[in-house]
Amino acid sequence: MKFICKNIICRFGIPREIISDNGRQLQGRKIQEWFQGLRIKQRFTTVAHPQANGQVEVTNRILVQGIKRRLERVGGNWAEELTSVLWAYRTTPRGSIGETPFSLVYGTEAIIPAELSMPSHRTPEAIGKLDPTWEGPYKVTSVIGKGAYELEDPEGRPLPRPWNVHNLKKYFA
């Protein structure tokens, strides 16, 4: 109950419904009474059939793929890579709705950390209608998730943060 209160209710408000597997964490008289008091409808997926909660399974598959890709490249502990993978997931538009999970939750797009620490890749002022307004080219070194890419400059130096596809343009040499 403390986890739900601290990490869900205090951040997002009281949910209308919570769907979970049949784990003991959300079963029992005490938590069921607590849910009833908050008017939270509790639903369980069918036993030993994770496909019943398809949204969660698809999201988990995407996150696991992202973690695997990061570990193949940098090695290390998966828990250390989780925040980067979650950030890439949350700030990448979902194909079915064209919105990022971040914007759906908070009503605004996230400010990408690289946007704060790096200069803009647009030229500061318009030079002319036909002049390019982008810097580069940069080479894509890896795909972190759907729409999130890691880049390197022409000298092979990696850019410090992943970039969303909406901030990139194709370049043909």
C-alpha atoms as a PDB file:
ATOM      1  CA  MET A   1       0.000   0.000   0.000  1.00  0.00           C
ATOM      2  CA  LYS A   2       2.858   2.359   0.792  1.00  0.00           C
ATOM      3  CA  PHE A   3       4.386   1.807  -2.671  1.00  0.00           C
ATOM      4  CA  ILE A   4       1.072   2.457  -4.441  1.00  0.00           C
ATOM      5  CA  CYS A   5       0.428   5.577  -2.382  1.00  0.00           C
ATOM      6  CA  LYS A   6       3.940   7.007  -2.801  1.00  0.00           C
ATOM      7  CA  ASN A   7       4.619   6.066  -6.435  1.00  0.00           C
ATOM      8  CA  ILE A   8       1.195   6.176  -8.042  1.00  0.00           C
ATOM      9  CA  ILE A   9      -1.416   8.087  -6.054  1.00  0.00           C
ATOM     10  CA  CYS A  10       0.855  10.923  -4.888  1.00  0.00           C
ATOM     11  CA  ARG A  11       2.210  11.412  -8.431  1.00  0.00           C
ATOM     12  CA  PHE A  12      -0.791  10.819 -10.654  1.00  0.00           C
ATOM     13  CA  GLY A  13      -3.887  10.739  -8.460  1.00  0.00           C
ATOM     14  CA  ILE A  14      -6.158   7.845  -7.588  1.00  0.00           C
ATOM     15  CA  PRO A  15      -6.538   5.403 -10.479  1.00  0.00           C
ATOM     16  CA  ARG A  16      -9.982   4.157 -11.441  1.00  0.00           C
ATOM     17  CA  GLU A  17      -8.649   0.644 -11.916  1.00  0.00           C
ATOM     18  CA  ILE A  18      -5.554  -1.443 -11.230  1.00  0.00           C
ATOM     19  CA  ILE A  19      -4.891  -4.524 -13.342  1.00  0.00           C
ATOM     20  CA  SER A  20      -2.319  -6.986 -12.046  1.00  0.00           C
ATOM     21  CA  ASP A  21      -1.231 -10.573 -12.215  1.00  0.00           C
ATOM     22  CA  ASN A  22      -2.227 -12.903  -9.402  1.00  0.00           C
ATOM     23  CA  GLY A  23       0.732 -12.072  -7.173  1.00  0.00           C
ATOM     24  CA  ARG A  24       0.098 -11.949  -3.444  1.00  0.00           C
ATOM     25  CA  GLN A  25       1.214  -8.310  -3.189  1.00  0.00           C
ATOM     26  CA  LEU A  26      -2.217  -7.033  -4.255  1.00  0.00           C
ATOM     27  CA  GLN A  27      -4.354  -9.692  -2.629  1.00  0.00           C
ATOM     28  CA  GLY A  28      -5.649  -9.975   0.887  1.00  0.00           C
ATOM     29  CA  ARG A  29      -8.412  -8.408   2.931  1.00  0.00           C
ATOM     30  CA  LYS A  30      -6.457  -5.337   4.047  1.00  0.00           C
ATOM     31  CA  ILE A  31      -5.473  -4.123   0.574  1.00  0.00           C
ATOM     32  CA  GLN A  32      -8.881  -4.968  -0.893  1.00  0.00           C
ATOM     33  CA  GLU A  33     -10.549  -2.825   1.802  1.00  0.00           C
ATOM     34  CA  TRP A  34      -8.051  -0.046   1.084  1.00  0.00           C
ATOM     35  CA  PHE A  35      -8.856  -0.196  -2.649  1.00  0.00           C
ATOM     36  CA  GLN A  36     -12.596  -0.169  -1.895  1.00  0.00           C
ATOM     37  CA  GLY A  37     -12.175   2.879   0.348  1.00  0.00           C
ATOM     38  CA  LEU A  38     -10.441   4.706  -2.509  1.00  0.00           C
ATOM     39  CA  ARG A  39     -12.971   3.359  -5.055  1.00  0.00           C
ATOM     40  CA  ILE A  40     -10.228   1.636  -7.033  1.00  0.00           C
ATOM     41  CA  LYS A  41     -11.527  -1.262  -9.107  1.00  0.00           C
ATOM     42  CA  GLN A  42      -9.153  -4.208  -8.911  1.00  0.00           C
ATOM     43  CA  ARG A  43      -8.860  -6.675 -11.791  1.00  0.00           C
ATOM     44  CA  PHE A  44      -6.589  -9.678 -12.196  1.00  0.00           C
ATOM     45  CA  THR A  45      -5.290 -11.293 -15.364  1.00  0.00           C
ATOM     46  CA  THR A  46      -5.903 -14.991 -15.851  1.00  0.00           C
ATOM     47  CA  VAL A  47      -3.532 -17.357 -14.075  1.00  0.00           C
ATOM     48  CA  ALA A  48      -0.338 -18.346 -15.961  1.00  0.00           C
ATOM     49  CA  HIS A  49      -1.395 -16.376 -19.036  1.00  0.00           C
ATOM     50  CA  PRO A  50       0.573 -13.106 -19.229  1.00  0.00           C
ATOM     51  CA  GLN A  51      -0.784 -12.398 -22.723  1.00  0.00           C
ATOM     52  CA  ALA A  52      -4.043 -11.399 -21.018  1.00  0.00           C
ATOM     53  CA  ASN A  53      -2.367  -8.102 -20.136  1.00  0.00           C
ATOM     54  CA  GLY A  54      -1.072  -7.377 -23.630  1.00  0.00           C
ATOM     55  CA  GLN A  55      -0.142  -3.715 -23.111  1.00  0.00           C
ATOM     56  CA  VAL A  56       2.212  -4.603 -20.274  1.00  0.00           C
ATOM     57  CA  GLU A  57       3.712  -7.519 -22.173  1.00  0.00           C
ATOM     58  CA  VAL A  58       4.439  -5.394 -25.265  1.00  0.00           C
ATOM     59  CA  THR A  59       5.990  -2.649 -23.133  1.00  0.00           C
ATOM     60  CA  ASN A  60       8.096  -5.160 -21.208  1.00  0.00           C
ATOM     61  CA  ARG A  61       9.335  -6.700 -24.472  1.00  0.00           C
ATOM     62  CA  ILE A  62      10.398  -3.260 -25.774  1.00  0.00           C
ATOM     63  CA  LEU A  63      12.179  -2.439 -22.509  1.00  0.00           C
ATOM     64  CA  VAL A  64      13.981  -5.805 -22.373  1.00  0.00           C
ATOM     65  CA  GLN A  65      15.171  -5.323 -25.977  1.00  0.00           C
ATOM     66  CA  GLY A  66      16.453  -1.856 -25.097  1.00  0.00           C
ATOM     67  CA  ILE A  67      18.321  -3.135 -22.048  1.00  0.00           C
ATOM     68  CA  LYS A  68      19.863  -5.989 -24.065  1.00  0.00           C
ATOM     69  CA  ARG A  69      21.090  -3.568 -26.728  1.00  0.00           C
ATOM     70  CA  ARG A  70      22.628  -1.283 -24.118  1.00  0.00           C
ATOM     71  CA  LEU A  71      24.350  -4.187 -22.351  1.00  0.00           C
ATOM     72  CA  GLU A  72      25.745  -5.549 -25.627  1.00  0.00           C
ATOM     73  CA  ARG A  73      27.336  -2.176 -26.259  1.00  0.00           C
ATOM     74  CA  VAL A  74      28.464  -1.031 -22.809  1.00  0.00           C
ATOM     75  CA  GLY A  75      28.235  -4.141 -20.636  1.00  0.00           C
ATOM     76  CA  GLY A  76      27.630  -3.672 -16.952  1.00  0.00           C
ATOM     77  CA  ASN A  77      24.626  -4.096 -14.747  1.00  0.00           C
ATOM     78  CA  TRP A  78      21.146  -3.998 -16.305  1.00  0.00           C
ATOM     79  CA  ALA A  79      19.814  -1.908 -13.409  1.00  0.00           C
ATOM     80  CA  GLU A  80      22.299   0.854 -14.259  1.00  0.00           C
ATOM     81  CA  GLU A  81      20.988   0.993 -17.834  1.00  0.00           C
ATOM     82  CA  LEU A  82      17.306   0.874 -16.916  1.00  0.00           C
ATOM     83  CA  THR A  83      16.837   4.624 -16.390  1.00  0.00           C
ATOM     84  CA  SER A  84      18.287   5.439 -19.833  1.00  0.00           C
ATOM     85  CA  VAL A  85      16.116   2.837 -21.523  1.00  0.00           C
ATOM     86  CA  LEU A  86      13.011   4.040 -19.660  1.00  0.00           C
ATOM     87  CA  TRP A  87      13.768   7.638 -20.629  1.00  0.00           C
ATOM     88  CA  ALA A  88      14.141   6.657 -24.297  1.00  0.00           C
ATOM     89  CA  TYR A  89      10.849   4.736 -24.118  1.00  0.00           C
ATOM     90  CA  ARG A  90       8.983   7.561 -22.395  1.00  0.00           C
ATOM     91  CA  THR A  91      10.189  10.216 -24.849  1.00  0.00           C
ATOM     92  CA  THR A  92       9.680   8.229 -28.067  1.00  0.00           C
ATOM     93  CA  PRO A  93       6.344   8.669 -29.865  1.00  0.00           C
ATOM     94  CA  ARG A  94       4.285   5.484 -29.965  1.00  0.00           C
ATOM     95  CA  GLY A  95       3.355   4.576 -33.517  1.00  0.00           C
ATOM     96  CA  SER A  96      -0.276   3.806 -32.800  1.00  0.00           C
ATOM     97  CA  ILE A  97      -1.083   7.216 -31.307  1.00  0.00           C
ATOM     98  CA  GLY A  98       1.813   9.426 -32.428  1.00  0.00           C
ATOM     99  CA  GLU A  99       2.374  10.737 -28.894  1.00  0.00           C
ATOM    100  CA  THR A 100       5.059  10.051 -26.308  1.00  0.00           C
ATOM    101  CA  PRO A 101       4.087   8.347 -23.047  1.00  0.00           C
ATOM    102  CA  PHE A 102       5.638  11.361 -21.285  1.00  0.00           C
ATOM    103  CA  SER A 103       3.341  13.839 -23.052  1.00  0.00           C
ATOM    104  CA  LEU A 104       0.277  11.689 -22.361  1.00  0.00           C
ATOM    105  CA  VAL A 105       1.040  11.661 -18.629  1.00  0.00           C
ATOM    106  CA  TYR A 106       2.234  15.247 -18.154  1.00  0.00           C
ATOM    107  CA  GLY A 107       0.524  17.098 -21.006  1.00  0.00           C
ATOM    108  CA  THR A 108       3.786  18.468 -22.406  1.00  0.00           C
ATOM    109  CA  GLU A 109       6.855  17.106 -24.145  1.00  0.00           C
ATOM    110  CA  ALA A 110       9.922  16.350 -22.054  1.00  0.00           C
ATOM    111  CA  ILE A 111      12.979  18.544 -22.224  1.00  0.00           C
ATOM    112  CA  ILE A 112      15.662  16.164 -23.404  1.00  0.00           C
ATOM    113  CA  PRO A 113      18.784  16.422 -21.169  1.00  0.00           C
ATOM    114  CA  ALA A 114      20.958  16.918 -24.245  1.00  0.00           C
ATOM    115  CA  GLU A 115      18.906  19.996 -25.114  1.00  0.00           C
ATOM    116  CA  LEU A 116      20.010  21.587 -21.846  1.00  0.00           C
ATOM    117  CA  SER A 117      23.697  20.703 -21.939  1.00  0.00           C
ATOM    118  CA  MET A 118      24.494  20.910 -25.641  1.00  0.00           C
ATOM    119  CA  PRO A 119      24.228  23.797 -28.054  1.00  0.00           C
ATOM    120  CA  SER A 120      21.396  23.697 -30.538  1.00  0.00           C
ATOM    121  CA  HIS A 121      22.111  21.984 -33.840  1.00  0.00           C
ATOM    122  CA  ARG A 122      20.153  24.670 -35.625  1.00  0.00           C
ATOM    123  CA  THR A 123      21.971  27.759 -36.731  1.00  0.00           C
ATOM    124  CA  PRO A 124      21.268  30.706 -34.424  1.00  0.00           C
ATOM    125  CA  GLU A 125      19.791  32.862 -37.165  1.00  0.00           C
ATOM    126  CA  ALA A 126      18.473  32.314 -40.655  1.00  0.00           C
ATOM    127  CA  ILE A 127      21.222  32.812 -43.219  1.00  0.00           C
ATOM    128  CA  GLY A 128      19.113  32.423 -46.291  1.00  0.00           C
ATOM    129  CA  LYS A 129      16.151  30.448 -47.522  1.00  0.00           C
ATOM    130  CA  LEU A 130      18.288  27.881 -49.294  1.00  0.00           C
ATOM    131  CA  ASP A 131      21.053  27.545 -46.710  1.00  0.00           C
ATOM    132  CA  PRO A 132      20.914  24.520 -44.401  1.00  0.00           C
ATOM    133  CA  THR A 133      19.671  25.157 -40.870  1.00  0.00           C
ATOM    134  CA  TRP A 134      21.081  21.948 -39.398  1.00  0.00           C
ATOM    135  CA  GLU A 135      24.548  20.873 -38.346  1.00  0.00           C
ATOM    136  CA  GLY A 136      26.047  17.551 -39.151  1.00  0.00           C
ATOM    137  CA  PRO A 137      26.141  15.068 -40.593  1.00  0.00           C
ATOM    138  CA  TYR A 138      26.199  12.655 -37.698  1.00  0.00           C
ATOM    139  CA  LYS A 139      26.402   8.891 -37.986  1.00  0.00           C
ATOM    140  CA  VAL A 140      23.845   6.672 -36.248  1.00  0.00           C
ATOM    141  CA  THR A 141      25.776   4.199 -34.100  1.00  0.00           C
ATOM    142  CA  SER A 142      22.873   2.372 -32.478  1.00  0.00           C
ATOM    143  CA  VAL A 143      19.126   2.266 -32.167  1.00  0.00           C
ATOM    144  CA  ILE A 144      18.115   2.393 -28.511  1.00  0.00           C
ATOM    145  CA  GLY A 145      14.413   2.014 -29.082  1.00  0.00           C
ATOM    146  CA  LYS A 146      11.807   2.877 -31.628  1.00  0.00           C
ATOM    147  CA  GLY A 147      12.722   6.424 -32.586  1.00  0.00           C
ATOM    148  CA  ALA A 148      15.713   6.918 -30.237  1.00  0.00           C
ATOM    149  CA  TYR A 149      19.247   6.893 -31.656  1.00  0.00           C
ATOM    150  CA  GLU A 150      22.813   7.271 -30.473  1.00  0.00           C
ATOM    151  CA  LEU A 151      25.042   9.342 -32.765  1.00  0.00           C
ATOM    152  CA  GLU A 152      28.697  10.139 -33.370  1.00  0.00           C
ATOM    153  CA  ASP A 153      30.316  13.107 -35.086  1.00  0.00           C
ATOM    154  CA  PRO A 154      32.489  12.809 -38.239  1.00  0.00           C
ATOM    155  CA  GLU A 155      35.598  12.298 -36.057  1.00  0.00           C
ATOM    156  CA  GLY A 156      33.974   9.272 -34.394  1.00  0.00           C
ATOM    157  CA  ARG A 157      33.245  10.996 -31.058  1.00  0.00           C
ATOM    158  CA  PRO A 158      29.894   9.879 -29.627  1.00  0.00           C
ATOM    159  CA  LEU A 159      27.337  12.527 -28.751  1.00  0.00           C
ATOM    160  CA  PRO A 160      26.641  12.347 -25.011  1.00  0.00           C
ATOM    161  CA  ARG A 161      22.901  11.632 -25.155  1.00  0.00           C
ATOM    162  CA  PRO A 162      20.433   9.725 -27.344  1.00  0.00           C
ATOM    163  CA  TRP A 163      18.472  11.716 -29.939  1.00  0.00           C
ATOM    164  CA  ASN A 164      14.832  11.347 -30.884  1.00  0.00           C
ATOM    165  CA  VAL A 165      14.061  10.786 -34.561  1.00  0.00           C
ATOM    166  CA  HIS A 166      12.061  14.042 -34.630  1.00  0.00           C
ATOM    167  CA  ASN A 167      15.319  15.961 -34.122  1.00  0.00           C
ATOM    168  CA  LEU A 168      17.126  14.183 -36.974  1.00  0.00           C
ATOM    169  CA  LYS A 169      17.145  14.496 -40.753  1.00  0.00           C
ATOM    170  CA  LYS A 170      18.339  11.888 -43.226  1.00  0.00           C
ATOM    171  CA  TYR A 171      21.644  12.618 -44.916  1.00  0.00           C
ATOM    172  CA  PHE A 172      22.784  10.880 -48.078  1.00  0.00           C
ATOM    173  CA  ALA A 173      26.494  11.009 -48.904  1.00  0.00           C
END
